[in-house]
Each structure stands twice: as C-alpha cells, then as structure tokens.
Amino acid sequence: QVQLVESGGGLVQPGGSLGLSCVVSGTFYKIMIMGWYRQAPGKERELVASTNSAGSTNYADSVKARFTVSRDSAKNTLYLHMNSLKPEDTAVYYCNALVTTTRDTQYYWGQGTQVTVSS
C-alpha cells in the first residue's frame, strides 16, 4: 500500500512565500516521477511542477521563476517552495507520484492541502 501525505498549506498574503512537502510511504521499488498539481474552485486540476528520478524538472508557465520543485530521494519526499504568491495561486494542491510496486506501476495521489493567498 502506497500513501502520499502532503503538509504545509495555509493562508499567506500576496507576495508571500510558502512551502509544501509530500512524503511517500509504503512498500515499493521505485518512485519515478513526482509532481504537484492544483485545483481551484470551478477549474480543472492542472500540473504545477514535476520532477523525475534523473532530476529534470518541469513547470507550468504561470509559476515559472516563482516556484521551485525538489525531491529528497533518500526521504521519499517532494517539496514545493512558492515565492511571490498571487491570489490566483489559491487552490488545493495535490501531490502525485508514479510508483513501481511488486504488482504494477501506477500513479498515486495525496489527499491535498489548501493554499489560500489573500490579504
């Protein structure tokens, strides 16, 4: 059983910073791709940033130069550091991971953490 647990969401003022963490636990062979998605009210879930096992990263245009994604493979943990936050960054942020277990390789999701940017 693979589980993803996010933490670090909250309320921040525009222009502020916030960090998110996602820990992957359970029994598995390898985590290949990890990423952050977000879903604002009335909108579809969208990719924010991702990173693969080689360290390559990918960002949505709307967060480039403001957000930084990183992972600590030894701790099976994914991070998202968010700077210069805007009200439009308000959403539920979800962690996602492509994980190989004894049974198969599939994507897993965390439960989500709320990020609210407001004065």
N, C-alpha and C. Protein backbone atom coordinates (compact mmCIF):
# COMPACT_ATOMS: atom_id res chain seq x y z
N GLN A 1 0.85 -1.18 0.00
CA GLN A 1 0.00 0.00 0.00
C GLN A 1 0.89 1.24 0.00
N VAL A 2 0.68 2.09 -0.99
CA VAL A 2 1.45 3.31 -1.11
C VAL A 2 0.57 4.48 -0.68
N GLN A 3 1.12 5.35 0.15
CA GLN A 3 0.39 6.54 0.58
C GLN A 3 1.23 7.78 0.37
N LEU A 4 0.55 8.86 0.00
CA LEU A 4 1.19 10.17 -0.15
C LEU A 4 0.50 11.11 0.83
N VAL A 5 1.29 11.80 1.63
CA VAL A 5 0.75 12.73 2.60
C VAL A 5 1.40 14.09 2.44
N GLU A 6 0.56 15.08 2.13
CA GLU A 6 1.05 16.45 1.96
C GLU A 6 0.95 17.20 3.27
N SER A 7 1.77 18.24 3.38
CA SER A 7 1.70 19.15 4.52
C SER A 7 2.25 20.51 4.10
N GLY A 8 1.91 21.53 4.88
CA GLY A 8 2.50 22.85 4.66
C GLY A 8 1.58 23.89 4.08
N GLY A 9 0.35 23.54 3.75
CA GLY A 9 -0.56 24.54 3.21
C GLY A 9 -0.97 25.55 4.26
N GLY A 10 -1.70 26.58 3.82
CA GLY A 10 -2.18 27.58 4.76
C GLY A 10 -2.55 28.87 4.08
N LEU A 11 -2.68 29.91 4.89
CA LEU A 11 -3.05 31.24 4.41
C LEU A 11 -1.81 32.13 4.36
N VAL A 12 -1.63 32.81 3.25
CA VAL A 12 -0.48 33.70 3.09
C VAL A 12 -0.93 34.94 2.34
N GLN A 13 -0.27 36.05 2.62
CA GLN A 13 -0.60 37.29 1.93
C GLN A 13 0.02 37.33 0.54
N PRO A 14 -0.57 38.08 -0.38
CA PRO A 14 0.04 38.23 -1.70
C PRO A 14 1.48 38.71 -1.59
N GLY A 15 2.33 38.10 -2.40
CA GLY A 15 3.75 38.42 -2.35
C GLY A 15 4.53 37.59 -1.36
N GLY A 16 3.84 36.81 -0.56
CA GLY A 16 4.49 35.98 0.45
C GLY A 16 4.99 34.66 -0.10
N SER A 17 5.54 33.86 0.81
CA SER A 17 6.11 32.56 0.45
C SER A 17 5.51 31.46 1.30
N LEU A 18 5.54 30.26 0.73
CA LEU A 18 5.01 29.10 1.44
C LEU A 18 5.69 27.85 0.89
N GLY A 19 5.88 26.86 1.77
CA GLY A 19 6.48 25.61 1.33
C GLY A 19 5.57 24.44 1.59
N LEU A 20 5.53 23.51 0.64
CA LEU A 20 4.75 22.28 0.77
C LEU A 20 5.68 21.08 0.78
N SER A 21 5.27 20.03 1.48
CA SER A 21 6.01 18.78 1.49
C SER A 21 5.07 17.62 1.20
N CYS A 22 5.62 16.56 0.63
CA CYS A 22 4.84 15.36 0.35
C CYS A 22 5.73 14.15 0.62
N VAL A 23 5.29 13.31 1.54
CA VAL A 23 6.05 12.11 1.89
C VAL A 23 5.35 10.89 1.32
N VAL A 24 6.12 10.05 0.63
CA VAL A 24 5.60 8.79 0.09
C VAL A 24 6.00 7.67 1.04
N SER A 25 5.01 6.89 1.47
CA SER A 25 5.29 5.79 2.38
C SER A 25 4.68 4.50 1.85
N GLY A 26 5.12 3.37 2.42
CA GLY A 26 4.59 2.08 2.00
C GLY A 26 5.69 1.20 1.43
N THR A 27 5.29 0.14 0.74
CA THR A 27 6.24 -0.80 0.17
C THR A 27 6.28 -0.63 -1.35
N PHE A 28 7.44 -0.27 -1.88
CA PHE A 28 7.57 -0.04 -3.32
C PHE A 28 9.02 -0.18 -3.72
N TYR A 29 9.26 -0.35 -5.03
CA TYR A 29 10.62 -0.46 -5.54
C TYR A 29 11.21 0.90 -5.89
N LYS A 30 10.40 1.71 -6.55
CA LYS A 30 10.96 2.95 -7.08
C LYS A 30 9.88 4.00 -7.28
N ILE A 31 10.26 5.24 -7.03
CA ILE A 31 9.40 6.37 -7.37
C ILE A 31 10.02 7.03 -8.59
N MET A 32 9.32 7.07 -9.68
CA MET A 32 9.89 7.58 -10.91
C MET A 32 9.63 9.06 -11.10
N ILE A 33 8.39 9.44 -11.15
CA ILE A 33 8.04 10.84 -11.36
C ILE A 33 7.24 11.32 -10.15
N MET A 34 7.53 12.52 -9.69
CA MET A 34 6.74 13.14 -8.63
C MET A 34 6.35 14.53 -9.09
N GLY A 35 5.17 14.94 -8.71
CA GLY A 35 4.72 16.25 -9.15
C GLY A 35 3.69 16.87 -8.24
N TRP A 36 3.49 18.14 -8.41
CA TRP A 36 2.45 18.89 -7.71
C TRP A 36 1.41 19.34 -8.73
N TYR A 37 0.16 19.13 -8.39
CA TYR A 37 -0.97 19.62 -9.17
C TYR A 37 -1.79 20.53 -8.26
N ARG A 38 -2.65 21.32 -8.87
CA ARG A 38 -3.55 22.14 -8.08
C ARG A 38 -4.90 22.25 -8.76
N GLN A 39 -5.91 22.48 -7.92
CA GLN A 39 -7.27 22.63 -8.44
C GLN A 39 -7.96 23.76 -7.69
N ALA A 40 -8.30 24.80 -8.44
CA ALA A 40 -9.04 25.93 -7.88
C ALA A 40 -10.53 25.67 -8.05
N PRO A 41 -11.36 26.30 -7.24
CA PRO A 41 -12.81 26.10 -7.34
C PRO A 41 -13.31 26.39 -8.75
N GLY A 42 -14.06 25.47 -9.30
CA GLY A 42 -14.64 25.65 -10.62
C GLY A 42 -13.68 25.42 -11.78
N LYS A 43 -12.47 25.00 -11.45
CA LYS A 43 -11.47 24.78 -12.51
C LYS A 43 -10.98 23.35 -12.50
N GLU A 44 -10.37 22.93 -13.62
CA GLU A 44 -9.81 21.60 -13.70
C GLU A 44 -8.47 21.53 -12.96
N ARG A 45 -8.12 20.33 -12.55
CA ARG A 45 -6.83 20.13 -11.92
C ARG A 45 -5.73 20.34 -12.98
N GLU A 46 -4.66 21.05 -12.57
CA GLU A 46 -3.60 21.36 -13.52
C GLU A 46 -2.24 21.04 -12.91
N LEU A 47 -1.30 20.71 -13.77
CA LEU A 47 0.07 20.46 -13.33
C LEU A 47 0.72 21.77 -12.93
N VAL A 48 1.37 21.77 -11.78
CA VAL A 48 2.13 22.93 -11.32
C VAL A 48 3.62 22.73 -11.61
N ALA A 49 4.15 21.60 -11.16
CA ALA A 49 5.57 21.31 -11.36
C ALA A 49 5.80 19.83 -11.13
N SER A 50 6.82 19.29 -11.81
CA SER A 50 7.14 17.88 -11.63
C SER A 50 8.64 17.68 -11.74
N THR A 51 9.09 16.53 -11.24
CA THR A 51 10.50 16.18 -11.34
C THR A 51 10.62 14.67 -11.47
N ASN A 52 11.58 14.21 -12.25
CA ASN A 52 11.75 12.77 -12.43
C ASN A 52 12.96 12.27 -11.64
N SER A 53 13.23 10.98 -11.73
CA SER A 53 14.30 10.38 -10.95
C SER A 53 15.69 10.86 -11.38
N ALA A 54 15.78 11.45 -12.58
CA ALA A 54 17.06 11.99 -13.05
C ALA A 54 17.28 13.42 -12.60
N GLY A 55 16.25 14.01 -11.99
CA GLY A 55 16.39 15.38 -11.51
C GLY A 55 15.87 16.44 -12.46
N SER A 56 15.35 16.04 -13.60
CA SER A 56 14.79 17.02 -14.52
C SER A 56 13.49 17.57 -13.94
N THR A 57 13.25 18.85 -14.21
CA THR A 57 12.04 19.50 -13.68
C THR A 57 11.22 20.10 -14.82
N ASN A 58 9.95 20.29 -14.52
CA ASN A 58 9.01 20.85 -15.48
C ASN A 58 8.05 21.73 -14.71
N TYR A 59 7.79 22.95 -15.24
CA TYR A 59 6.91 23.90 -14.55
C TYR A 59 5.81 24.41 -15.48
N ALA A 60 4.67 24.69 -14.89
CA ALA A 60 3.64 25.41 -15.62
C ALA A 60 4.14 26.83 -15.87
N ASP A 61 3.76 27.41 -17.00
CA ASP A 61 4.23 28.76 -17.33
C ASP A 61 3.84 29.76 -16.24
N SER A 62 2.70 29.55 -15.63
CA SER A 62 2.18 30.52 -14.66
C SER A 62 3.00 30.56 -13.37
N VAL A 63 3.84 29.55 -13.12
CA VAL A 63 4.60 29.53 -11.87
C VAL A 63 6.11 29.59 -12.09
N LYS A 64 6.55 29.57 -13.33
CA LYS A 64 7.99 29.62 -13.61
C LYS A 64 8.61 30.86 -12.97
N ALA A 65 9.79 30.69 -12.42
CA ALA A 65 10.57 31.74 -11.77
C ALA A 65 10.01 32.11 -10.39
N ARG A 66 8.88 31.54 -10.01
CA ARG A 66 8.32 31.81 -8.68
C ARG A 66 8.33 30.56 -7.79
N PHE A 67 8.10 29.41 -8.40
CA PHE A 67 8.02 28.15 -7.64
C PHE A 67 9.24 27.30 -7.94
N THR A 68 9.65 26.51 -6.95
CA THR A 68 10.76 25.58 -7.12
C THR A 68 10.36 24.21 -6.58
N VAL A 69 10.47 23.19 -7.43
CA VAL A 69 10.17 21.82 -7.02
C VAL A 69 11.49 21.09 -6.80
N SER A 70 11.52 20.26 -5.76
CA SER A 70 12.71 19.47 -5.47
C SER A 70 12.29 18.19 -4.77
N ARG A 71 13.20 17.22 -4.75
CA ARG A 71 12.89 15.96 -4.08
C ARG A 71 14.11 15.46 -3.34
N ASP A 72 13.85 14.82 -2.22
CA ASP A 72 14.89 14.15 -1.45
C ASP A 72 14.61 12.66 -1.59
N SER A 73 15.33 12.00 -2.48
CA SER A 73 15.06 10.58 -2.77
C SER A 73 15.29 9.69 -1.56
N ALA A 74 16.25 10.06 -0.73
CA ALA A 74 16.55 9.25 0.46
C ALA A 74 15.38 9.26 1.44
N LYS A 75 14.63 10.36 1.44
CA LYS A 75 13.49 10.50 2.36
C LYS A 75 12.15 10.29 1.66
N ASN A 76 12.20 9.96 0.35
CA ASN A 76 10.96 9.79 -0.43
C ASN A 76 10.04 10.98 -0.26
N THR A 77 10.62 12.16 -0.34
CA THR A 77 9.87 13.39 -0.07
C THR A 77 10.01 14.37 -1.23
N LEU A 78 8.90 14.98 -1.56
CA LEU A 78 8.83 16.00 -2.61
C LEU A 78 8.50 17.33 -1.95
N TYR A 79 9.13 18.38 -2.45
CA TYR A 79 8.91 19.71 -1.91
C TYR A 79 8.46 20.67 -3.01
N LEU A 80 7.76 21.70 -2.58
CA LEU A 80 7.42 22.80 -3.48
C LEU A 80 7.59 24.09 -2.68
N HIS A 81 8.54 24.91 -3.12
CA HIS A 81 8.72 26.20 -2.47
C HIS A 81 8.11 27.26 -3.38
N MET A 82 7.20 28.03 -2.82
CA MET A 82 6.44 29.01 -3.59
C MET A 82 6.77 30.42 -3.11
N ASN A 83 7.25 31.24 -4.04
CA ASN A 83 7.55 32.65 -3.76
C ASN A 83 6.61 33.55 -4.54
N SER A 84 6.56 34.81 -4.13
CA SER A 84 5.77 35.83 -4.84
C SER A 84 4.36 35.33 -5.15
N LEU A 85 3.73 34.80 -4.13
CA LEU A 85 2.41 34.20 -4.33
C LEU A 85 1.37 35.25 -4.71
N LYS A 86 0.45 34.80 -5.56
CA LYS A 86 -0.62 35.65 -6.07
C LYS A 86 -1.97 35.07 -5.68
N PRO A 87 -3.00 35.90 -5.62
CA PRO A 87 -4.33 35.36 -5.30
C PRO A 87 -4.74 34.22 -6.24
N GLU A 88 -4.31 34.27 -7.48
CA GLU A 88 -4.67 33.22 -8.43
C GLU A 88 -3.95 31.90 -8.18
N ASP A 89 -3.02 31.88 -7.23
CA ASP A 89 -2.38 30.63 -6.83
C ASP A 89 -3.23 29.89 -5.80
N THR A 90 -4.30 30.51 -5.35
CA THR A 90 -5.19 29.87 -4.38
C THR A 90 -5.82 28.61 -4.98
N ALA A 91 -5.63 27.49 -4.29
CA ALA A 91 -6.14 26.21 -4.79
C ALA A 91 -5.84 25.13 -3.76
N VAL A 92 -6.40 23.95 -4.00
CA VAL A 92 -5.97 22.76 -3.27
C VAL A 92 -4.81 22.17 -4.06
N TYR A 93 -3.70 21.96 -3.39
CA TYR A 93 -2.50 21.41 -4.01
C TYR A 93 -2.39 19.93 -3.70
N TYR A 94 -2.20 19.14 -4.76
CA TYR A 94 -2.12 17.69 -4.63
C TYR A 94 -0.74 17.19 -5.05
N CYS A 95 -0.26 16.23 -4.30
CA CYS A 95 0.98 15.55 -4.64
C CYS A 95 0.63 14.32 -5.48
N ASN A 96 1.47 14.02 -6.45
CA ASN A 96 1.25 12.89 -7.35
C ASN A 96 2.57 12.18 -7.56
N ALA A 97 2.54 10.84 -7.60
CA ALA A 97 3.78 10.10 -7.80
C ALA A 97 3.53 8.87 -8.65
N LEU A 98 4.45 8.60 -9.56
CA LEU A 98 4.43 7.37 -10.35
C LEU A 98 5.33 6.36 -9.65
N VAL A 99 4.72 5.29 -9.12
CA VAL A 99 5.42 4.38 -8.22
C VAL A 99 5.36 2.95 -8.73
N THR A 100 6.49 2.26 -8.65
CA THR A 100 6.55 0.84 -9.02
C THR A 100 6.53 -0.02 -7.77
N THR A 101 5.54 -0.93 -7.70
CA THR A 101 5.45 -1.87 -6.59
C THR A 101 5.61 -3.28 -7.13
N THR A 102 5.42 -4.28 -6.28
CA THR A 102 5.53 -5.67 -6.75
C THR A 102 4.42 -6.01 -7.74
N ARG A 103 3.32 -5.29 -7.67
CA ARG A 103 2.18 -5.60 -8.54
C ARG A 103 2.24 -4.86 -9.87
N ASP A 104 2.55 -3.58 -9.84
CA ASP A 104 2.48 -2.79 -11.06
C ASP A 104 3.14 -1.44 -10.85
N THR A 105 2.99 -0.61 -11.87
CA THR A 105 3.45 0.78 -11.81
C THR A 105 2.23 1.65 -12.07
N GLN A 106 1.95 2.55 -11.13
CA GLN A 106 0.78 3.39 -11.31
C GLN A 106 0.98 4.71 -10.58
N TYR A 107 0.07 5.64 -10.89
CA TYR A 107 0.10 6.94 -10.24
C TYR A 107 -0.71 6.90 -8.94
N TYR A 108 -0.18 7.57 -7.94
CA TYR A 108 -0.87 7.72 -6.67
C TYR A 108 -1.04 9.20 -6.37
N TRP A 109 -2.09 9.51 -5.59
CA TRP A 109 -2.40 10.89 -5.24
C TRP A 109 -2.44 11.05 -3.72
N GLY A 110 -2.05 12.23 -3.28
CA GLY A 110 -2.25 12.60 -1.89
C GLY A 110 -3.65 13.16 -1.70
N GLN A 111 -3.96 13.51 -0.46
CA GLN A 111 -5.31 13.98 -0.14
C GLN A 111 -5.50 15.46 -0.44
N GLY A 112 -4.41 16.17 -0.64
CA GLY A 112 -4.49 17.59 -0.96
C GLY A 112 -4.30 18.48 0.25
N THR A 113 -3.76 19.67 0.01
CA THR A 113 -3.59 20.66 1.06
C THR A 113 -3.98 22.03 0.51
N GLN A 114 -4.74 22.78 1.30
CA GLN A 114 -5.26 24.06 0.83
C GLN A 114 -4.21 25.16 0.94
N VAL A 115 -4.06 25.91 -0.14
CA VAL A 115 -3.22 27.11 -0.15
C VAL A 115 -4.13 28.29 -0.50
N THR A 116 -4.18 29.27 0.38
CA THR A 116 -5.01 30.45 0.16
C THR A 116 -4.13 31.69 0.20
N VAL A 117 -4.18 32.46 -0.88
CA VAL A 117 -3.40 33.69 -0.97
C VAL A 117 -4.38 34.86 -0.93
N SER A 118 -4.35 35.58 0.17
CA SER A 118 -5.33 36.65 0.37
C SER A 118 -4.82 37.64 1.40
N SER A 119 -5.20 38.90 1.22
CA SER A 119 -4.86 39.91 2.19
C SER A 119 -5.97 40.07 3.22
